[in-house]
Amino acid sequence: MTDGIPVLYGIKACDTMKKARTWLDQQGVTYRFHDYKSAGIDRASLEKWCAEHGWQTVLNRAGTTFRKLDDAQKADLDQAKAIDLMLAAPSMIKRPVLDLGDRTLIGFKPELYSTVLA
């Protein structure tokens, strides 16, 4: 969160991101969008998100980018290795990440957004 305004992290072309942005716009929620594919992401943010949710939630293992990795890169994953992978290829971060300041939401579920942002 920056200046009391939530920050939505993700990549512009993602369908789930488009759904989240449309939902936020329709609800009149003011937010900043951070495209980590073009603007990058810092280690501190990834460490914070992993501490809150676990690296297994933050790392998008179902995505194409992760699946294209060779077996050696996918082997023996832990938080440090997962963060290194996400720094090298931010499209491996599950999206969206909505930073509300005191907590973050990972993924888009309209019912959860409604409850938290009501």
PDB file of N, CA and C in Angstrom:
ATOM      1  N   MET A   1       0.851  -1.173   0.000  1.00  0.00           N
ATOM      2  CA  MET A   1       0.000   0.000   0.000  1.00  0.00           C
ATOM      3  C   MET A   1       0.898   1.237   0.000  1.00  0.00           C
ATOM      4  N   THR A   2       0.516   2.200  -0.795  1.00  0.00           N
ATOM      5  CA  THR A   2       1.265   3.437  -0.878  1.00  0.00           C
ATOM      6  C   THR A   2       0.312   4.591  -0.582  1.00  0.00           C
ATOM      7  N   ASP A   3       0.658   5.419   0.385  1.00  0.00           N
ATOM      8  CA  ASP A   3      -0.173   6.584   0.730  1.00  0.00           C
ATOM      9  C   ASP A   3      -1.622   6.201   1.012  1.00  0.00           C
ATOM     10  N   GLY A   4      -1.836   5.039   1.629  1.00  0.00           N
ATOM     11  CA  GLY A   4      -3.190   4.606   1.948  1.00  0.00           C
ATOM     12  C   GLY A   4      -3.953   4.026   0.772  1.00  0.00           C
ATOM     13  N   ILE A   5      -3.315   3.929  -0.385  1.00  0.00           N
ATOM     14  CA  ILE A   5      -3.970   3.390  -1.581  1.00  0.00           C
ATOM     15  C   ILE A   5      -3.431   1.984  -1.842  1.00  0.00           C
ATOM     16  N   PRO A   6      -4.342   0.993  -1.969  1.00  0.00           N
ATOM     17  CA  PRO A   6      -3.881  -0.373  -2.252  1.00  0.00           C
ATOM     18  C   PRO A   6      -3.091  -0.433  -3.557  1.00  0.00           C
ATOM     19  N   VAL A   7      -2.155  -1.382  -3.611  1.00  0.00           N
ATOM     20  CA  VAL A   7      -1.367  -1.598  -4.822  1.00  0.00           C
ATOM     21  C   VAL A   7      -1.692  -2.987  -5.345  1.00  0.00           C
ATOM     22  N   LEU A   8      -2.070  -3.050  -6.612  1.00  0.00           N
ATOM     23  CA  LEU A   8      -2.369  -4.312  -7.277  1.00  0.00           C
ATOM     24  C   LEU A   8      -1.158  -4.699  -8.114  1.00  0.00           C
ATOM     25  N   TYR A   9      -0.524  -5.812  -7.745  1.00  0.00           N
ATOM     26  CA  TYR A   9       0.665  -6.302  -8.438  1.00  0.00           C
ATOM     27  C   TYR A   9       0.269  -7.413  -9.403  1.00  0.00           C
ATOM     28  N   GLY A  10       0.843  -7.368 -10.594  1.00  0.00           N
ATOM     29  CA  GLY A  10       0.590  -8.420 -11.559  1.00  0.00           C
ATOM     30  C   GLY A  10       1.178  -8.058 -12.905  1.00  0.00           C
ATOM     31  N   ILE A  11       0.639  -8.691 -13.948  1.00  0.00           N
ATOM     32  CA  ILE A  11       1.058  -8.361 -15.311  1.00  0.00           C
ATOM     33  C   ILE A  11      -0.181  -8.008 -16.119  1.00  0.00           C
ATOM     34  N   LYS A  12      -0.007  -7.058 -16.997  1.00  0.00           N
ATOM     35  CA  LYS A  12      -1.127  -6.457 -17.718  1.00  0.00           C
ATOM     36  C   LYS A  12      -1.939  -7.460 -18.543  1.00  0.00           C
ATOM     37  N   ALA A  13      -1.279  -8.372 -19.220  1.00  0.00           N
ATOM     38  CA  ALA A  13      -1.953  -9.240 -20.185  1.00  0.00           C
ATOM     39  C   ALA A  13      -2.689 -10.431 -19.566  1.00  0.00           C
ATOM     40  N   CYS A  14      -2.546 -10.654 -18.279  1.00  0.00           N
ATOM     41  CA  CYS A  14      -3.136 -11.826 -17.619  1.00  0.00           C
ATOM     42  C   CYS A  14      -4.665 -11.686 -17.500  1.00  0.00           C
ATOM     43  N   ASP A  15      -5.392 -12.748 -17.858  1.00  0.00           N
ATOM     44  CA  ASP A  15      -6.858 -12.717 -17.782  1.00  0.00           C
ATOM     45  C   ASP A  15      -7.359 -12.515 -16.356  1.00  0.00           C
ATOM     46  N   THR A  16      -6.730 -13.168 -15.389  1.00  0.00           N
ATOM     47  CA  THR A  16      -7.143 -13.005 -13.994  1.00  0.00           C
ATOM     48  C   THR A  16      -6.916 -11.569 -13.536  1.00  0.00           C
ATOM     49  N   MET A  17      -5.826 -10.967 -13.996  1.00  0.00           N
ATOM     50  CA  MET A  17      -5.556  -9.566 -13.673  1.00  0.00           C
ATOM     51  C   MET A  17      -6.650  -8.672 -14.240  1.00  0.00           C
ATOM     52  N   LYS A  18      -7.051  -8.951 -15.479  1.00  0.00           N
ATOM     53  CA  LYS A  18      -8.105  -8.148 -16.109  1.00  0.00           C
ATOM     54  C   LYS A  18      -9.397  -8.247 -15.304  1.00  0.00           C
ATOM     55  N   LYS A  19      -9.722  -9.447 -14.818  1.00  0.00           N
ATOM     56  CA  LYS A  19     -10.929  -9.625 -14.001  1.00  0.00           C
ATOM     57  C   LYS A  19     -10.828  -8.829 -12.704  1.00  0.00           C
ATOM     58  N   ALA A  20      -9.668  -8.889 -12.056  1.00  0.00           N
ATOM     59  CA  ALA A  20      -9.476  -8.169 -10.791  1.00  0.00           C
ATOM     60  C   ALA A  20      -9.566  -6.664 -11.019  1.00  0.00           C
ATOM     61  N   ARG A  21      -8.913  -6.172 -12.051  1.00  0.00           N
ATOM     62  CA  ARG A  21      -8.943  -4.728 -12.328  1.00  0.00           C
ATOM     63  C   ARG A  21     -10.351  -4.267 -12.670  1.00  0.00           C
ATOM     64  N   THR A  22     -11.071  -5.054 -13.470  1.00  0.00           N
ATOM     65  CA  THR A  22     -12.455  -4.710 -13.816  1.00  0.00           C
ATOM     66  C   THR A  22     -13.314  -4.673 -12.559  1.00  0.00           C
ATOM     67  N   TRP A  23     -13.154  -5.672 -11.684  1.00  0.00           N
ATOM     68  CA  TRP A  23     -13.935  -5.719 -10.448  1.00  0.00           C
ATOM     69  C   TRP A  23     -13.643  -4.490  -9.579  1.00  0.00           C
ATOM     70  N   LEU A  24     -12.363  -4.181  -9.390  1.00  0.00           N
ATOM     71  CA  LEU A  24     -11.989  -3.020  -8.573  1.00  0.00           C
ATOM     72  C   LEU A  24     -12.556  -1.734  -9.170  1.00  0.00           C
ATOM     73  N   ASP A  25     -12.468  -1.597 -10.489  1.00  0.00           N
ATOM     74  CA  ASP A  25     -12.998  -0.404 -11.164  1.00  0.00           C
ATOM     75  C   ASP A  25     -14.517  -0.306 -10.977  1.00  0.00           C
ATOM     76  N   GLN A  26     -15.218  -1.432 -11.138  1.00  0.00           N
ATOM     77  CA  GLN A  26     -16.676  -1.431 -10.996  1.00  0.00           C
ATOM     78  C   GLN A  26     -17.118  -1.098  -9.569  1.00  0.00           C
ATOM     79  N   GLN A  27     -16.283  -1.446  -8.587  1.00  0.00           N
ATOM     80  CA  GLN A  27     -16.608  -1.160  -7.187  1.00  0.00           C
ATOM     81  C   GLN A  27     -16.172   0.245  -6.774  1.00  0.00           C
ATOM     82  N   GLY A  28     -15.495   0.938  -7.672  1.00  0.00           N
ATOM     83  CA  GLY A  28     -15.017   2.286  -7.371  1.00  0.00           C
ATOM     84  C   GLY A  28     -13.835   2.312  -6.415  1.00  0.00           C
ATOM     85  N   VAL A  29     -13.068   1.217  -6.382  1.00  0.00           N
ATOM     86  CA  VAL A  29     -11.901   1.139  -5.499  1.00  0.00           C
ATOM     87  C   VAL A  29     -10.707   1.799  -6.185  1.00  0.00           C
ATOM     88  N   THR A  30     -10.124   2.771  -5.515  1.00  0.00           N
ATOM     89  CA  THR A  30      -8.919   3.416  -6.021  1.00  0.00           C
ATOM     90  C   THR A  30      -7.725   2.529  -5.685  1.00  0.00           C
ATOM     91  N   TYR A  31      -6.878   2.290  -6.666  1.00  0.00           N
ATOM     92  CA  TYR A  31      -5.691   1.459  -6.447  1.00  0.00           C
ATOM     93  C   TYR A  31      -4.616   1.887  -7.430  1.00  0.00           C
ATOM     94  N   ARG A  32      -3.394   1.500  -7.121  1.00  0.00           N
ATOM     95  CA  ARG A  32      -2.285   1.683  -8.055  1.00  0.00           C
ATOM     96  C   ARG A  32      -1.968   0.319  -8.655  1.00  0.00           C
ATOM     97  N   PHE A  33      -1.614   0.302  -9.930  1.00  0.00           N
ATOM     98  CA  PHE A  33      -1.257  -0.954 -10.584  1.00  0.00           C
ATOM     99  C   PHE A  33       0.256  -1.002 -10.774  1.00  0.00           C
ATOM    100  N   HIS A  34       0.863  -2.091 -10.329  1.00  0.00           N
ATOM    101  CA  HIS A  34       2.304  -2.304 -10.488  1.00  0.00           C
ATOM    102  C   HIS A  34       2.490  -3.525 -11.384  1.00  0.00           C
ATOM    103  N   ASP A  35       2.936  -3.284 -12.602  1.00  0.00           N
ATOM    104  CA  ASP A  35       3.180  -4.364 -13.555  1.00  0.00           C
ATOM    105  C   ASP A  35       4.595  -4.883 -13.312  1.00  0.00           C
ATOM    106  N   TYR A  36       4.706  -6.031 -12.643  1.00  0.00           N
ATOM    107  CA  TYR A  36       6.046  -6.494 -12.302  1.00  0.00           C
ATOM    108  C   TYR A  36       6.757  -7.147 -13.470  1.00  0.00           C
ATOM    109  N   LYS A  37       6.068  -7.300 -14.583  1.00  0.00           N
ATOM    110  CA  LYS A  37       6.767  -7.778 -15.767  1.00  0.00           C
ATOM    111  C   LYS A  37       7.589  -6.643 -16.385  1.00  0.00           C
ATOM    112  N   SER A  38       7.057  -5.414 -16.339  1.00  0.00           N
ATOM    113  CA  SER A  38       7.798  -4.272 -16.889  1.00  0.00           C
ATOM    114  C   SER A  38       8.552  -3.498 -15.810  1.00  0.00           C
ATOM    115  N   ALA A  39       7.986  -3.396 -14.606  1.00  0.00           N
ATOM    116  CA  ALA A  39       8.615  -2.602 -13.544  1.00  0.00           C
ATOM    117  C   ALA A  39       9.460  -3.441 -12.592  1.00  0.00           C
ATOM    118  N   GLY A  40       9.374  -4.769 -12.703  1.00  0.00           N
ATOM    119  CA  GLY A  40      10.134  -5.645 -11.820  1.00  0.00           C
ATOM    120  C   GLY A  40       9.501  -5.756 -10.436  1.00  0.00           C
ATOM    121  N   ILE A  41      10.156  -6.518  -9.606  1.00  0.00           N
ATOM    122  CA  ILE A  41       9.701  -6.726  -8.228  1.00  0.00           C
ATOM    123  C   ILE A  41      10.954  -6.838  -7.369  1.00  0.00           C
ATOM    124  N   ASP A  42      10.854  -6.400  -6.132  1.00  0.00           N
ATOM    125  CA  ASP A  42      12.024  -6.456  -5.262  1.00  0.00           C
ATOM    126  C   ASP A  42      11.957  -7.659  -4.323  1.00  0.00           C
ATOM    127  N   ARG A  43      13.111  -8.069  -3.866  1.00  0.00           N
ATOM    128  CA  ARG A  43      13.223  -9.229  -2.977  1.00  0.00           C
ATOM    129  C   ARG A  43      12.420  -9.013  -1.687  1.00  0.00           C
ATOM    130  N   ALA A  44      12.444  -7.791  -1.157  1.00  0.00           N
ATOM    131  CA  ALA A  44      11.744  -7.515   0.104  1.00  0.00           C
ATOM    132  C   ALA A  44      10.243  -7.783  -0.011  1.00  0.00           C
ATOM    133  N   SER A  45       9.637  -7.403  -1.131  1.00  0.00           N
ATOM    134  CA  SER A  45       8.204  -7.666  -1.324  1.00  0.00           C
ATOM    135  C   SER A  45       7.939  -9.169  -1.374  1.00  0.00           C
ATOM    136  N   LEU A  46       8.764  -9.892  -2.132  1.00  0.00           N
ATOM    137  CA  LEU A  46       8.583 -11.345  -2.224  1.00  0.00           C
ATOM    138  C   LEU A  46       8.767 -12.014  -0.865  1.00  0.00           C
ATOM    139  N   GLU A  47       9.755 -11.571  -0.112  1.00  0.00           N
ATOM    140  CA  GLU A  47       9.983 -12.144   1.224  1.00  0.00           C
ATOM    141  C   GLU A  47       8.788 -11.882   2.134  1.00  0.00           C
ATOM    142  N   LYS A  48       8.229 -10.677   2.056  1.00  0.00           N
ATOM    143  CA  LYS A  48       7.055 -10.326   2.869  1.00  0.00           C
ATOM    144  C   LYS A  48       5.868 -11.204   2.492  1.00  0.00           C
ATOM    145  N   TRP A  49       5.612 -11.339   1.192  1.00  0.00           N
ATOM    146  CA  TRP A  49       4.480 -12.147   0.743  1.00  0.00           C
ATOM    147  C   TRP A  49       4.658 -13.613   1.125  1.00  0.00           C
ATOM    148  N   CYS A  50       5.886 -14.124   0.994  1.00  0.00           N
ATOM    149  CA  CYS A  50       6.156 -15.525   1.364  1.00  0.00           C
ATOM    150  C   CYS A  50       6.009 -15.731   2.866  1.00  0.00           C
ATOM    151  N   ALA A  51       6.427 -14.744   3.660  1.00  0.00           N
ATOM    152  CA  ALA A  51       6.277 -14.860   5.116  1.00  0.00           C
ATOM    153  C   ALA A  51       4.799 -14.890   5.499  1.00  0.00           C
ATOM    154  N   GLU A  52       3.982 -14.135   4.778  1.00  0.00           N
ATOM    155  CA  GLU A  52       2.552 -14.064   5.094  1.00  0.00           C
ATOM    156  C   GLU A  52       1.783 -15.280   4.587  1.00  0.00           C
ATOM    157  N   HIS A  53       2.100 -15.736   3.381  1.00  0.00           N
ATOM    158  CA  HIS A  53       1.288 -16.775   2.731  1.00  0.00           C
ATOM    159  C   HIS A  53       2.007 -18.101   2.503  1.00  0.00           C
ATOM    160  N   GLY A  54       3.336 -18.110   2.616  1.00  0.00           N
ATOM    161  CA  GLY A  54       4.117 -19.308   2.262  1.00  0.00           C
ATOM    162  C   GLY A  54       4.517 -19.230   0.796  1.00  0.00           C
ATOM    163  N   TRP A  55       5.760 -19.616   0.516  1.00  0.00           N
ATOM    164  CA  TRP A  55       6.245 -19.525  -0.864  1.00  0.00           C
ATOM    165  C   TRP A  55       5.443 -20.414  -1.801  1.00  0.00           C
ATOM    166  N   GLN A  56       4.856 -21.499  -1.269  1.00  0.00           N
ATOM    167  CA  GLN A  56       4.083 -22.416  -2.109  1.00  0.00           C
ATOM    168  C   GLN A  56       2.860 -21.723  -2.700  1.00  0.00           C
ATOM    169  N   THR A  57       2.318 -20.727  -1.987  1.00  0.00           N
ATOM    170  CA  THR A  57       1.172 -19.966  -2.484  1.00  0.00           C
ATOM    171  C   THR A  57       1.620 -18.878  -3.451  1.00  0.00           C
ATOM    172  N   VAL A  58       2.741 -18.247  -3.174  1.00  0.00           N
ATOM    173  CA  VAL A  58       3.210 -17.118  -3.982  1.00  0.00           C
ATOM    174  C   VAL A  58       3.774 -17.571  -5.326  1.00  0.00           C
ATOM    175  N   LEU A  59       4.450 -18.700  -5.348  1.00  0.00           N
ATOM    176  CA  LEU A  59       5.038 -19.214  -6.594  1.00  0.00           C
ATOM    177  C   LEU A  59       3.953 -19.896  -7.420  1.00  0.00           C
ATOM    178  N   ASN A  60       3.775 -19.429  -8.645  1.00  0.00           N
ATOM    179  CA  ASN A  60       2.762 -19.986  -9.538  1.00  0.00           C
ATOM    180  C   ASN A  60       3.346 -21.182 -10.288  1.00  0.00           C
ATOM    181  N   ARG A  61       3.199 -22.365  -9.682  1.00  0.00           N
ATOM    182  CA  ARG A  61       3.762 -23.569 -10.292  1.00  0.00           C
ATOM    183  C   ARG A  61       2.904 -24.114 -11.423  1.00  0.00           C
ATOM    184  N   ALA A  62       1.672 -23.604 -11.564  1.00  0.00           N
ATOM    185  CA  ALA A  62       0.787 -24.072 -12.633  1.00  0.00           C
ATOM    186  C   ALA A  62       1.025 -23.321 -13.941  1.00  0.00           C
ATOM    187  N   GLY A  63       1.740 -22.216 -13.878  1.00  0.00           N
ATOM    188  CA  GLY A  63       1.942 -21.385 -15.061  1.00  0.00           C
ATOM    189  C   GLY A  63       2.963 -21.948 -16.038  1.00  0.00           C
ATOM    190  N   THR A  64       2.879 -21.466 -17.258  1.00  0.00           N
ATOM    191  CA  THR A  64       3.758 -21.910 -18.334  1.00  0.00           C
ATOM    192  C   THR A  64       5.229 -21.665 -18.016  1.00  0.00           C
ATOM    193  N   THR A  65       5.537 -20.496 -17.454  1.00  0.00           N
ATOM    194  CA  THR A  65       6.942 -20.156 -17.191  1.00  0.00           C
ATOM    195  C   THR A  65       7.583 -21.170 -16.261  1.00  0.00           C
ATOM    196  N   PHE A  66       6.878 -21.543 -15.190  1.00  0.00           N
ATOM    197  CA  PHE A  66       7.425 -22.525 -14.256  1.00  0.00           C
ATOM    198  C   PHE A  66       7.518 -23.899 -14.920  1.00  0.00           C
ATOM    199  N   ARG A  67       6.487 -24.287 -15.641  1.00  0.00           N
ATOM    200  CA  ARG A  67       6.475 -25.620 -16.258  1.00  0.00           C
ATOM    201  C   ARG A  67       7.589 -25.790 -17.283  1.00  0.00           C
ATOM    202  N   LYS A  68       8.038 -24.686 -17.896  1.00  0.00           N
ATOM    203  CA  LYS A  68       9.112 -24.750 -18.896  1.00  0.00           C
ATOM    204  C   LYS A  68      10.503 -24.900 -18.274  1.00  0.00           C
ATOM    205  N   LEU A  69      10.612 -24.708 -16.965  1.00  0.00           N
ATOM    206  CA  LEU A  69      11.912 -24.866 -16.306  1.00  0.00           C
ATOM    207  C   LEU A  69      12.374 -26.311 -16.415  1.00  0.00           C
ATOM    208  N   ASP A  70      13.681 -26.523 -16.430  1.00  0.00           N
ATOM    209  CA  ASP A  70      14.152 -27.906 -16.444  1.00  0.00           C
ATOM    210  C   ASP A  70      14.010 -28.497 -15.034  1.00  0.00           C
ATOM    211  N   ASP A  71      14.058 -29.801 -14.968  1.00  0.00           N
ATOM    212  CA  ASP A  71      13.813 -30.502 -13.705  1.00  0.00           C
ATOM    213  C   ASP A  71      14.776 -30.073 -12.601  1.00  0.00           C
ATOM    214  N   ALA A  72      16.010 -29.761 -12.968  1.00  0.00           N
ATOM    215  CA  ALA A  72      17.005 -29.355 -11.965  1.00  0.00           C
ATOM    216  C   ALA A  72      16.579 -28.051 -11.288  1.00  0.00           C
ATOM    217  N   GLN A  73      15.997 -27.134 -12.065  1.00  0.00           N
ATOM    218  CA  GLN A  73      15.551 -25.864 -11.486  1.00  0.00           C
ATOM    219  C   GLN A  73      14.327 -26.049 -10.581  1.00  0.00           C
ATOM    220  N   LYS A  74      13.516 -27.061 -10.870  1.00  0.00           N
ATOM    221  CA  LYS A  74      12.306 -27.315 -10.071  1.00  0.00           C
ATOM    222  C   LYS A  74      12.591 -28.182  -8.849  1.00  0.00           C
ATOM    223  N   ALA A  75      13.738 -28.828  -8.817  1.00  0.00           N
ATOM    224  CA  ALA A  75      14.068 -29.770  -7.745  1.00  0.00           C
ATOM    225  C   ALA A  75      14.430 -29.043  -6.453  1.00  0.00           C
ATOM    226  N   ASP A  76      14.137 -29.682  -5.344  1.00  0.00           N
ATOM    227  CA  ASP A  76      14.540 -29.191  -4.015  1.00  0.00           C
ATOM    228  C   ASP A  76      14.148 -27.734  -3.770  1.00  0.00           C
ATOM    229  N   LEU A  77      12.947 -27.386  -4.151  1.00  0.00           N
ATOM    230  CA  LEU A  77      12.502 -26.007  -3.950  1.00  0.00           C
ATOM    231  C   LEU A  77      12.346 -25.692  -2.473  1.00  0.00           C
ATOM    232  N   ASP A  78      12.783 -24.507  -2.108  1.00  0.00           N
ATOM    233  CA  ASP A  78      12.538 -23.959  -0.781  1.00  0.00           C
ATOM    234  C   ASP A  78      12.250 -22.475  -0.992  1.00  0.00           C
ATOM    235  N   GLN A  79      12.038 -21.740   0.075  1.00  0.00           N
ATOM    236  CA  GLN A  79      11.669 -20.340  -0.073  1.00  0.00           C
ATOM    237  C   GLN A  79      12.750 -19.530  -0.788  1.00  0.00           C
ATOM    238  N   ALA A  80      14.000 -19.716  -0.426  1.00  0.00           N
ATOM    239  CA  ALA A  80      15.085 -18.945  -1.042  1.00  0.00           C
ATOM    240  C   ALA A  80      15.161 -19.204  -2.543  1.00  0.00           C
ATOM    241  N   LYS A  81      15.065 -20.465  -2.926  1.00  0.00           N
ATOM    242  CA  LYS A  81      15.140 -20.820  -4.344  1.00  0.00           C
ATOM    243  C   LYS A  81      13.905 -20.300  -5.091  1.00  0.00           C
ATOM    244  N   ALA A  82      12.741 -20.393  -4.465  1.00  0.00           N
ATOM    245  CA  ALA A  82      11.508 -19.899  -5.084  1.00  0.00           C
ATOM    246  C   ALA A  82      11.594 -18.389  -5.319  1.00  0.00           C
ATOM    247  N   ILE A  83      12.102 -17.656  -4.336  1.00  0.00           N
ATOM    248  CA  ILE A  83      12.244 -16.205  -4.480  1.00  0.00           C
ATOM    249  C   ILE A  83      13.218 -15.876  -5.605  1.00  0.00           C
ATOM    250  N   ASP A  84      14.331 -16.607  -5.690  1.00  0.00           N
ATOM    251  CA  ASP A  84      15.286 -16.384  -6.783  1.00  0.00           C
ATOM    252  C   ASP A  84      14.623 -16.615  -8.147  1.00  0.00           C
ATOM    253  N   LEU A  85      13.807 -17.663  -8.247  1.00  0.00           N
ATOM    254  CA  LEU A  85      13.100 -17.941  -9.507  1.00  0.00           C
ATOM    255  C   LEU A  85      12.138 -16.800  -9.846  1.00  0.00           C
ATOM    256  N   MET A  86      11.395 -16.311  -8.844  1.00  0.00           N
ATOM    257  CA  MET A  86      10.413 -15.245  -9.084  1.00  0.00           C
ATOM    258  C   MET A  86      11.085 -13.917  -9.422  1.00  0.00           C
ATOM    259  N   LEU A  87      12.253 -13.664  -8.833  1.00  0.00           N
ATOM    260  CA  LEU A  87      13.003 -12.452  -9.178  1.00  0.00           C
ATOM    261  C   LEU A  87      13.488 -12.520 -10.626  1.00  0.00           C
ATOM    262  N   ALA A  88      13.936 -13.698 -11.037  1.00  0.00           N
ATOM    263  CA  ALA A  88      14.455 -13.881 -12.398  1.00  0.00           C
ATOM    264  C   ALA A  88      13.326 -13.830 -13.432  1.00  0.00           C
ATOM    265  N   ALA A  89      12.148 -14.317 -13.065  1.00  0.00           N
ATOM    266  CA  ALA A  89      11.004 -14.359 -13.990  1.00  0.00           C
ATOM    267  C   ALA A  89       9.732 -14.027 -13.206  1.00  0.00           C
ATOM    268  N   PRO A  90       9.407 -12.739 -13.085  1.00  0.00           N
ATOM    269  CA  PRO A  90       8.248 -12.335 -12.280  1.00  0.00           C
ATOM    270  C   PRO A  90       6.921 -12.945 -12.716  1.00  0.00           C
ATOM    271  N   SER A  91       6.833 -13.452 -13.939  1.00  0.00           N
ATOM    272  CA  SER A  91       5.578 -14.089 -14.342  1.00  0.00           C
ATOM    273  C   SER A  91       5.332 -15.382 -13.562  1.00  0.00           C
ATOM    274  N   MET A  92       6.316 -15.834 -12.786  1.00  0.00           N
ATOM    275  CA  MET A  92       6.114 -17.005 -11.914  1.00  0.00           C
ATOM    276  C   MET A  92       5.436 -16.639 -10.599  1.00  0.00           C
ATOM    277  N   ILE A  93       5.168 -15.351 -10.376  1.00  0.00           N
ATOM    278  CA  ILE A  93       4.467 -14.936  -9.160  1.00  0.00           C
ATOM    279  C   ILE A  93       2.972 -15.102  -9.402  1.00  0.00           C
ATOM    280  N   LYS A  94       2.290 -15.777  -8.485  1.00  0.00           N
ATOM    281  CA  LYS A  94       0.843 -15.924  -8.597  1.00  0.00           C
ATOM    282  C   LYS A  94       0.228 -14.537  -8.610  1.00  0.00           C
ATOM    283  N   ARG A  95      -0.819 -14.381  -9.378  1.00  0.00           N
ATOM    284  CA  ARG A  95      -1.412 -13.054  -9.488  1.00  0.00           C
ATOM    285  C   ARG A  95      -2.929 -13.120  -9.435  1.00  0.00           C
ATOM    286  N   PRO A  96      -3.476 -11.969  -9.086  1.00  0.00           N
ATOM    287  CA  PRO A  96      -2.820 -10.757  -8.632  1.00  0.00           C
ATOM    288  C   PRO A  96      -2.403 -10.841  -7.170  1.00  0.00           C
ATOM    289  N   VAL A  97      -1.560  -9.893  -6.766  1.00  0.00           N
ATOM    290  CA  VAL A  97      -1.261  -9.675  -5.352  1.00  0.00           C
ATOM    291  C   VAL A  97      -1.798  -8.280  -5.041  1.00  0.00           C
ATOM    292  N   LEU A  98      -2.733  -8.203  -4.116  1.00  0.00           N
ATOM    293  CA  LEU A  98      -3.302  -6.918  -3.714  1.00  0.00           C
ATOM    294  C   LEU A  98      -2.737  -6.569  -2.347  1.00  0.00           C
ATOM    295  N   ASP A  99      -1.915  -5.525  -2.312  1.00  0.00           N
ATOM    296  CA  ASP A  99      -1.275  -5.085  -1.073  1.00  0.00           C
ATOM    297  C   ASP A  99      -2.161  -4.038  -0.412  1.00  0.00           C
ATOM    298  N   LEU A 100      -2.694  -4.392   0.748  1.00  0.00           N
ATOM    299  CA  LEU A 100      -3.586  -3.506   1.495  1.00  0.00           C
ATOM    300  C   LEU A 100      -2.863  -2.806   2.643  1.00  0.00           C
ATOM    301  N   GLY A 101      -1.558  -2.960   2.701  1.00  0.00           N
ATOM    302  CA  GLY A 101      -0.779  -2.325   3.760  1.00  0.00           C
ATOM    303  C   GLY A 101      -0.541  -3.270   4.917  1.00  0.00           C
ATOM    304  N   ASP A 102      -1.611  -3.629   5.631  1.00  0.00           N
ATOM    305  CA  ASP A 102      -1.468  -4.521   6.783  1.00  0.00           C
ATOM    306  C   ASP A 102      -1.547  -5.986   6.393  1.00  0.00           C
ATOM    307  N   ARG A 103      -1.954  -6.258   5.169  1.00  0.00           N
ATOM    308  CA  ARG A 103      -2.035  -7.629   4.669  1.00  0.00           C
ATOM    309  C   ARG A 103      -2.101  -7.621   3.162  1.00  0.00           C
ATOM    310  N   THR A 104      -1.898  -8.795   2.574  1.00  0.00           N
ATOM    311  CA  THR A 104      -2.016  -8.938   1.126  1.00  0.00           C
ATOM    312  C   THR A 104      -3.000 -10.050   0.806  1.00  0.00           C
ATOM    313  N   LEU A 105      -3.601  -9.947  -0.360  1.00  0.00           N
ATOM    314  CA  LEU A 105      -4.453 -11.005  -0.892  1.00  0.00           C
ATOM    315  C   LEU A 105      -3.762 -11.537  -2.132  1.00  0.00           C
ATOM    316  N   ILE A 106      -3.719 -12.860  -2.266  1.00  0.00           N
ATOM    317  CA  ILE A 106      -3.077 -13.465  -3.431  1.00  0.00           C
ATOM    318  C   ILE A 106      -4.124 -14.231  -4.211  1.00  0.00           C
ATOM    319  N   GLY A 107      -4.179 -13.962  -5.501  1.00  0.00           N
ATOM    320  CA  GLY A 107      -5.216 -14.534  -6.343  1.00  0.00           C
ATOM    321  C   GLY A 107      -6.439 -13.631  -6.321  1.00  0.00           C
ATOM    322  N   PHE A 108      -7.380 -13.873  -7.221  1.00  0.00           N
ATOM    323  CA  PHE A 108      -8.583 -13.053  -7.272  1.00  0.00           C
ATOM    324  C   PHE A 108      -9.812 -13.896  -6.999  1.00  0.00           C
ATOM    325  N   LYS A 109     -10.482 -13.570  -5.906  1.00  0.00           N
ATOM    326  CA  LYS A 109     -11.763 -14.173  -5.566  1.00  0.00           C
ATOM    327  C   LYS A 109     -12.693 -13.007  -5.224  1.00  0.00           C
ATOM    328  N   PRO A 110     -13.693 -12.737  -6.082  1.00  0.00           N
ATOM    329  CA  PRO A 110     -14.571 -11.581  -5.862  1.00  0.00           C
ATOM    330  C   PRO A 110     -15.180 -11.540  -4.463  1.00  0.00           C
ATOM    331  N   GLU A 111     -15.560 -12.703  -3.933  1.00  0.00           N
ATOM    332  CA  GLU A 111     -16.191 -12.724  -2.601  1.00  0.00           C
ATOM    333  C   GLU A 111     -15.213 -12.301  -1.508  1.00  0.00           C
ATOM    334  N   LEU A 112     -13.946 -12.666  -1.646  1.00  0.00           N
ATOM    335  CA  LEU A 112     -12.942 -12.261  -0.671  1.00  0.00           C
ATOM    336  C   LEU A 112     -12.650 -10.765  -0.795  1.00  0.00           C
ATOM    337  N   TYR A 113     -12.511 -10.288  -2.024  1.00  0.00           N
ATOM    338  CA  TYR A 113     -12.304  -8.857  -2.240  1.00  0.00           C
ATOM    339  C   TYR A 113     -13.469  -8.068  -1.646  1.00  0.00           C
ATOM    340  N   SER A 114     -14.707  -8.541  -1.859  1.00  0.00           N
ATOM    341  CA  SER A 114     -15.892  -7.849  -1.313  1.00  0.00           C
ATOM    342  C   SER A 114     -15.829  -7.748   0.190  1.00  0.00           C
ATOM    343  N   THR A 115     -15.473  -8.861   0.849  1.00  0.00           N
ATOM    344  CA  THR A 115     -15.414  -8.894   2.304  1.00  0.00           C
ATOM    345  C   THR A 115     -14.335  -7.965   2.830  1.00  0.00           C
ATOM    346  N   VAL A 116     -13.159  -8.023   2.242  1.00  0.00           N
ATOM    347  CA  VAL A 116     -12.012  -7.264   2.740  1.00  0.00           C
ATOM    348  C   VAL A 116     -12.129  -5.773   2.420  1.00  0.00           C
ATOM    349  N   LEU A 117     -12.683  -5.444   1.262  1.00  0.00           N
ATOM    350  CA  LEU A 117     -12.728  -4.047   0.840  1.00  0.00           C
ATOM    351  C   LEU A 117     -14.053  -3.352   1.170  1.00  0.00           C
ATOM    352  N   ALA A 118     -14.961  -4.072   1.826  1.00  0.00           N
ATOM    353  CA  ALA A 118     -16.276  -3.487   2.159  1.00  0.00           C
ATOM    354  C   ALA A 118     -16.127  -2.357   3.170  1.00  0.00           C
TER     355      ALA A 118
END
